């Protein structure tokens, strides 16, 4: 699926496949430098982080293990509800591990703030956050995000794992969804 397949659903393309891949490579270089000599447990937040986590893991030169967690605070709407439900928990014991949460997007920060606190309570050596996208103007809570791919405006975006009602995840770029789709 490419931009021609969904042209009428989008306002515009924010980041192309090439721009995303370049930024993910840069993030991997930063992470490799910061975690030199340490193994990393990448914790992907399903479903949106699948694309970025796969590309990030391949770009890293550090040893990594991966696990997945599914949490929900959206449903099919466009605003975070702030109520977090665990749909799938980790299979890995975090005790003493260096955990890097990998997210697709941070807007309000409510879900991620809850998730980080939850993971910290499990006794890891460290917990840091890597996100491809962050909407700084949508933040409702302060959260320390160590690695940020792109800061974006407070618009509804889709593609590269990001969805609206489970559609658009398979786009290889990130675009702004046209309001007539979700209003």
C-alpha atoms as a PDB file:
ATOM      1  CA  UNK A   1       0.000   0.000   0.000  1.00  0.00           C
ATOM      2  CA  UNK A   2       1.385   3.406  -0.897  1.00  0.00           C
ATOM      3  CA  UNK A   3       0.257   7.030  -0.786  1.00  0.00           C
ATOM      4  CA  UNK A   4      -1.661   6.705  -4.059  1.00  0.00           C
ATOM      5  CA  UNK A   5      -3.859   4.008  -2.489  1.00  0.00           C
ATOM      6  CA  UNK A   6      -4.998   6.358   0.300  1.00  0.00           C
ATOM      7  CA  UNK A   7      -4.543   9.789  -1.274  1.00  0.00           C
ATOM      8  CA  UNK A   8      -8.086  10.978  -0.435  1.00  0.00           C
ATOM      9  CA  UNK A   9      -7.687   9.830   3.207  1.00  0.00           C
ATOM     10  CA  UNK A  10      -4.616  11.982   3.887  1.00  0.00           C
ATOM     11  CA  UNK A  11      -3.937  15.682   4.254  1.00  0.00           C
ATOM     12  CA  UNK A  12      -0.223  15.195   3.540  1.00  0.00           C
ATOM     13  CA  UNK A  13       2.806  12.973   4.054  1.00  0.00           C
ATOM     14  CA  UNK A  14       4.874  13.998   7.085  1.00  0.00           C
ATOM     15  CA  UNK A  15       7.800  11.584   6.726  1.00  0.00           C
ATOM     16  CA  UNK A  16       8.772   9.369   3.837  1.00  0.00           C
ATOM     17  CA  UNK A  17      10.083   5.844   4.168  1.00  0.00           C
ATOM     18  CA  UNK A  18      13.614   7.123   3.553  1.00  0.00           C
ATOM     19  CA  UNK A  19      13.347   9.847   6.203  1.00  0.00           C
ATOM     20  CA  UNK A  20      12.046   7.336   8.752  1.00  0.00           C
ATOM     21  CA  UNK A  21      14.812   4.833   7.995  1.00  0.00           C
ATOM     22  CA  UNK A  22      17.481   7.532   8.297  1.00  0.00           C
ATOM     23  CA  UNK A  23      16.162   8.656  11.677  1.00  0.00           C
ATOM     24  CA  UNK A  24      15.823   5.086  13.001  1.00  0.00           C
ATOM     25  CA  UNK A  25      19.458   4.468  12.008  1.00  0.00           C
ATOM     26  CA  UNK A  26      20.518   7.608  13.887  1.00  0.00           C
ATOM     27  CA  UNK A  27      18.554   6.512  16.975  1.00  0.00           C
ATOM     28  CA  UNK A  28      20.233   3.098  16.830  1.00  0.00           C
ATOM     29  CA  UNK A  29      23.656   4.756  16.767  1.00  0.00           C
ATOM     30  CA  UNK A  30      22.780   6.805  19.872  1.00  0.00           C
ATOM     31  CA  UNK A  31      21.459   3.718  21.669  1.00  0.00           C
ATOM     32  CA  UNK A  32      24.531   1.644  20.738  1.00  0.00           C
ATOM     33  CA  UNK A  33      26.799   4.354  22.161  1.00  0.00           C
ATOM     34  CA  UNK A  34      24.783   4.696  25.380  1.00  0.00           C
ATOM     35  CA  UNK A  35      24.455   0.955  26.030  1.00  0.00           C
ATOM     36  CA  UNK A  36      27.960  -0.068  24.986  1.00  0.00           C
ATOM     37  CA  UNK A  37      28.904  -3.332  26.692  1.00  0.00           C
ATOM     38  CA  UNK A  38      25.385  -3.950  28.031  1.00  0.00           C
ATOM     39  CA  UNK A  39      22.642  -6.171  26.694  1.00  0.00           C
ATOM     40  CA  UNK A  40      19.336  -4.437  26.042  1.00  0.00           C
ATOM     41  CA  UNK A  41      15.817  -5.766  26.458  1.00  0.00           C
ATOM     42  CA  UNK A  42      13.639  -4.021  23.901  1.00  0.00           C
ATOM     43  CA  UNK A  43      10.019  -3.881  25.055  1.00  0.00           C
ATOM     44  CA  UNK A  44       7.747  -3.093  22.153  1.00  0.00           C
ATOM     45  CA  UNK A  45       4.308  -1.688  22.761  1.00  0.00           C
ATOM     46  CA  UNK A  46       1.856  -3.481  20.499  1.00  0.00           C
ATOM     47  CA  UNK A  47       0.543  -2.955  17.957  1.00  0.00           C
ATOM     48  CA  UNK A  48       1.886   0.365  16.795  1.00  0.00           C
ATOM     49  CA  UNK A  49       5.551  -0.177  17.644  1.00  0.00           C
ATOM     50  CA  UNK A  50       5.961  -3.300  15.490  1.00  0.00           C
ATOM     51  CA  UNK A  51       7.478  -1.463  12.520  1.00  0.00           C
ATOM     52  CA  UNK A  52       9.817   0.829  14.448  1.00  0.00           C
ATOM     53  CA  UNK A  53      10.945  -1.937  16.802  1.00  0.00           C
ATOM     54  CA  UNK A  54      11.757  -4.298  13.944  1.00  0.00           C
ATOM     55  CA  UNK A  55      13.731  -1.637  12.086  1.00  0.00           C
ATOM     56  CA  UNK A  56      15.442  -0.402  15.253  1.00  0.00           C
ATOM     57  CA  UNK A  57      16.472  -3.920  16.302  1.00  0.00           C
ATOM     58  CA  UNK A  58      17.999  -4.555  12.868  1.00  0.00           C
ATOM     59  CA  UNK A  59      19.875  -1.236  12.964  1.00  0.00           C
ATOM     60  CA  UNK A  60      21.399  -1.857  16.402  1.00  0.00           C
ATOM     61  CA  UNK A  61      24.871  -3.371  16.767  1.00  0.00           C
ATOM     62  CA  UNK A  62      24.266  -4.185  20.455  1.00  0.00           C
ATOM     63  CA  UNK A  63      22.969  -7.546  21.621  1.00  0.00           C
ATOM     64  CA  UNK A  64      19.237  -7.290  22.192  1.00  0.00           C
ATOM     65  CA  UNK A  65      16.423  -9.478  23.343  1.00  0.00           C
ATOM     66  CA  UNK A  66      12.855  -8.529  22.597  1.00  0.00           C
ATOM     67  CA  UNK A  67       9.531  -8.870  24.311  1.00  0.00           C
ATOM     68  CA  UNK A  68       6.142  -7.331  23.684  1.00  0.00           C
ATOM     69  CA  UNK A  69       3.477  -5.765  25.799  1.00  0.00           C
ATOM     70  CA  UNK A  70       0.021  -4.771  24.662  1.00  0.00           C
ATOM     71  CA  UNK A  71      -1.684  -1.972  26.529  1.00  0.00           C
ATOM     72  CA  UNK A  72      -4.714  -0.012  25.503  1.00  0.00           C
ATOM     73  CA  UNK A  73      -6.041   3.442  26.191  1.00  0.00           C
ATOM     74  CA  UNK A  74      -7.469   4.351  22.800  1.00  0.00           C
ATOM     75  CA  UNK A  75     -10.150   2.022  21.485  1.00  0.00           C
ATOM     76  CA  UNK A  76     -11.067   3.323  18.039  1.00  0.00           C
ATOM     77  CA  UNK A  77     -11.055   7.013  18.955  1.00  0.00           C
ATOM     78  CA  UNK A  78      -8.472   9.695  18.357  1.00  0.00           C
ATOM     79  CA  UNK A  79      -7.907  10.785  21.972  1.00  0.00           C
ATOM     80  CA  UNK A  80      -6.222   8.822  24.756  1.00  0.00           C
ATOM     81  CA  UNK A  81      -8.696   7.826  27.462  1.00  0.00           C
ATOM     82  CA  UNK A  82      -6.002   7.776  30.164  1.00  0.00           C
ATOM     83  CA  UNK A  83      -7.330   4.462  31.466  1.00  0.00           C
ATOM     84  CA  UNK A  84      -4.730   1.780  30.766  1.00  0.00           C
ATOM     85  CA  UNK A  85      -5.510  -1.900  30.366  1.00  0.00           C
ATOM     86  CA  UNK A  86      -2.870  -4.616  29.966  1.00  0.00           C
ATOM     87  CA  UNK A  87      -3.935  -6.813  27.062  1.00  0.00           C
ATOM     88  CA  UNK A  88      -0.674  -8.819  26.896  1.00  0.00           C
ATOM     89  CA  UNK A  89       2.006  -8.788  29.565  1.00  0.00           C
ATOM     90  CA  UNK A  90       5.713  -9.467  29.200  1.00  0.00           C
ATOM     91  CA  UNK A  91       7.071 -13.004  29.308  1.00  0.00           C
ATOM     92  CA  UNK A  92      10.534 -11.810  30.435  1.00  0.00           C
ATOM     93  CA  UNK A  93      11.610 -11.254  34.037  1.00  0.00           C
ATOM     94  CA  UNK A  94      12.927  -7.670  34.179  1.00  0.00           C
ATOM     95  CA  UNK A  95      15.043  -8.079  37.312  1.00  0.00           C
ATOM     96  CA  UNK A  96      18.454  -6.496  36.688  1.00  0.00           C
ATOM     97  CA  UNK A  97      17.846  -5.914  32.975  1.00  0.00           C
ATOM     98  CA  UNK A  98      18.379  -2.735  30.956  1.00  0.00           C
ATOM     99  CA  UNK A  99      14.941  -2.108  29.481  1.00  0.00           C
ATOM    100  CA  UNK A 100      14.273   0.137  26.508  1.00  0.00           C
ATOM    101  CA  UNK A 101      10.576   0.727  25.876  1.00  0.00           C
ATOM    102  CA  UNK A 102       9.978   1.201  22.153  1.00  0.00           C
ATOM    103  CA  UNK A 103       6.905   3.231  21.215  1.00  0.00           C
ATOM    104  CA  UNK A 104       5.437   4.454  17.969  1.00  0.00           C
ATOM    105  CA  UNK A 105       4.026   7.722  19.300  1.00  0.00           C
ATOM    106  CA  UNK A 106       3.652   9.675  22.523  1.00  0.00           C
ATOM    107  CA  UNK A 107       0.906  12.233  22.741  1.00  0.00           C
ATOM    108  CA  UNK A 108      -0.669  12.761  26.176  1.00  0.00           C
ATOM    109  CA  UNK A 109       2.021  10.640  27.861  1.00  0.00           C
ATOM    110  CA  UNK A 110      -0.573   9.095  30.177  1.00  0.00           C
ATOM    111  CA  UNK A 111      -0.203   5.532  28.909  1.00  0.00           C
ATOM    112  CA  UNK A 112       3.586   5.641  28.790  1.00  0.00           C
ATOM    113  CA  UNK A 113       3.866   7.208  32.238  1.00  0.00           C
ATOM    114  CA  UNK A 114       1.792   4.360  33.648  1.00  0.00           C
ATOM    115  CA  UNK A 115       3.771   1.760  31.675  1.00  0.00           C
ATOM    116  CA  UNK A 116       7.163   3.058  32.809  1.00  0.00           C
ATOM    117  CA  UNK A 117       6.071   3.034  36.460  1.00  0.00           C
ATOM    118  CA  UNK A 118       4.728  -0.493  36.035  1.00  0.00           C
ATOM    119  CA  UNK A 119       8.004  -1.751  34.530  1.00  0.00           C
ATOM    120  CA  UNK A 120      10.143   0.051  37.131  1.00  0.00           C
ATOM    121  CA  UNK A 121       8.245  -1.807  39.862  1.00  0.00           C
ATOM    122  CA  UNK A 122       9.612  -5.089  38.437  1.00  0.00           C
ATOM    123  CA  UNK A 123      13.244  -4.413  39.453  1.00  0.00           C
ATOM    124  CA  UNK A 124      15.106  -3.655  36.213  1.00  0.00           C
ATOM    125  CA  UNK A 125      18.589  -2.110  36.217  1.00  0.00           C
ATOM    126  CA  UNK A 126      17.196   0.742  34.094  1.00  0.00           C
ATOM    127  CA  UNK A 127      14.170   1.745  32.058  1.00  0.00           C
ATOM    128  CA  UNK A 128      14.431   4.232  29.212  1.00  0.00           C
ATOM    129  CA  UNK A 129      12.063   5.191  26.401  1.00  0.00           C
ATOM    130  CA  UNK A 130      12.542   5.398  22.651  1.00  0.00           C
ATOM    131  CA  UNK A 131       9.719   6.741  20.511  1.00  0.00           C
ATOM    132  CA  UNK A 132       9.545   7.439  16.839  1.00  0.00           C
ATOM    133  CA  UNK A 133       7.100  10.336  17.255  1.00  0.00           C
ATOM    134  CA  UNK A 134       6.220  12.730  20.051  1.00  0.00           C
ATOM    135  CA  UNK A 135       3.531  15.398  20.175  1.00  0.00           C
ATOM    136  CA  UNK A 136       4.962  17.819  22.754  1.00  0.00           C
ATOM    137  CA  UNK A 137       1.927  20.122  22.693  1.00  0.00           C
ATOM    138  CA  UNK A 138      -0.426  17.248  23.539  1.00  0.00           C
ATOM    139  CA  UNK A 139       1.436  16.223  26.717  1.00  0.00           C
ATOM    140  CA  UNK A 140      -0.690  15.982  29.846  1.00  0.00           C
ATOM    141  CA  UNK A 141       2.093  14.586  32.057  1.00  0.00           C
ATOM    142  CA  UNK A 142       5.852  15.093  32.136  1.00  0.00           C
ATOM    143  CA  UNK A 143       7.710  12.008  31.006  1.00  0.00           C
ATOM    144  CA  UNK A 144      11.420  11.650  30.357  1.00  0.00           C
ATOM    145  CA  UNK A 145      11.906  10.282  26.853  1.00  0.00           C
ATOM    146  CA  UNK A 146      15.556   9.551  26.125  1.00  0.00           C
ATOM    147  CA  UNK A 147      15.274   8.924  22.372  1.00  0.00           C
ATOM    148  CA  UNK A 148      12.855  10.807  20.120  1.00  0.00           C
ATOM    149  CA  UNK A 149      12.715  10.335  16.379  1.00  0.00           C
ATOM    150  CA  UNK A 150      10.564  13.294  15.385  1.00  0.00           C
ATOM    151  CA  UNK A 151       8.491  15.895  17.210  1.00  0.00           C
ATOM    152  CA  UNK A 152       5.230  16.461  15.377  1.00  0.00           C
ATOM    153  CA  UNK A 153       2.223  18.779  15.606  1.00  0.00           C
ATOM    154  CA  UNK A 154      -0.934  17.675  17.407  1.00  0.00           C
ATOM    155  CA  UNK A 155      -2.558  16.105  14.369  1.00  0.00           C
ATOM    156  CA  UNK A 156      -3.805  12.560  13.873  1.00  0.00           C
ATOM    157  CA  UNK A 157      -1.141  10.571  12.035  1.00  0.00           C
ATOM    158  CA  UNK A 158      -1.168   7.131  10.448  1.00  0.00           C
ATOM    159  CA  UNK A 159       1.253   4.770   8.756  1.00  0.00           C
ATOM    160  CA  UNK A 160       4.394   2.849   9.722  1.00  0.00           C
ATOM    161  CA  UNK A 161       2.475   1.004  12.434  1.00  0.00           C
ATOM    162  CA  UNK A 162       0.160   3.853  13.427  1.00  0.00           C
ATOM    163  CA  UNK A 163      -3.506   3.223  12.792  1.00  0.00           C
ATOM    164  CA  UNK A 164      -6.990   4.590  12.785  1.00  0.00           C
ATOM    165  CA  UNK A 165      -9.532   1.866  13.579  1.00  0.00           C
ATOM    166  CA  UNK A 166      -6.846  -0.745  12.723  1.00  0.00           C
ATOM    167  CA  UNK A 167      -6.314   0.631   9.202  1.00  0.00           C
ATOM    168  CA  UNK A 168      -3.257   2.324   7.639  1.00  0.00           C
ATOM    169  CA  UNK A 169      -0.624   0.463   9.748  1.00  0.00           C
ATOM    170  CA  UNK A 170       0.943  -1.031   6.616  1.00  0.00           C
ATOM    171  CA  UNK A 171       1.846   2.294   4.988  1.00  0.00           C
ATOM    172  CA  UNK A 172       5.628   2.677   4.698  1.00  0.00           C
ATOM    173  CA  UNK A 173       5.441   6.405   5.467  1.00  0.00           C
ATOM    174  CA  UNK A 174       3.734   8.593   8.071  1.00  0.00           C
ATOM    175  CA  UNK A 175       0.939  10.884   6.979  1.00  0.00           C
ATOM    176  CA  UNK A 176      -1.639  13.172   8.533  1.00  0.00           C
ATOM    177  CA  UNK A 177      -5.114  11.680   8.385  1.00  0.00           C
ATOM    178  CA  UNK A 178      -7.747  13.890   6.781  1.00  0.00           C
ATOM    179  CA  UNK A 179     -10.412  14.992   9.295  1.00  0.00           C
ATOM    180  CA  UNK A 180     -13.281  13.675   7.162  1.00  0.00           C
ATOM    181  CA  UNK A 181     -12.044  10.138   7.945  1.00  0.00           C
ATOM    182  CA  UNK A 182     -12.347  10.367  11.747  1.00  0.00           C
ATOM    183  CA  UNK A 183     -14.940  13.110  12.374  1.00  0.00           C
END
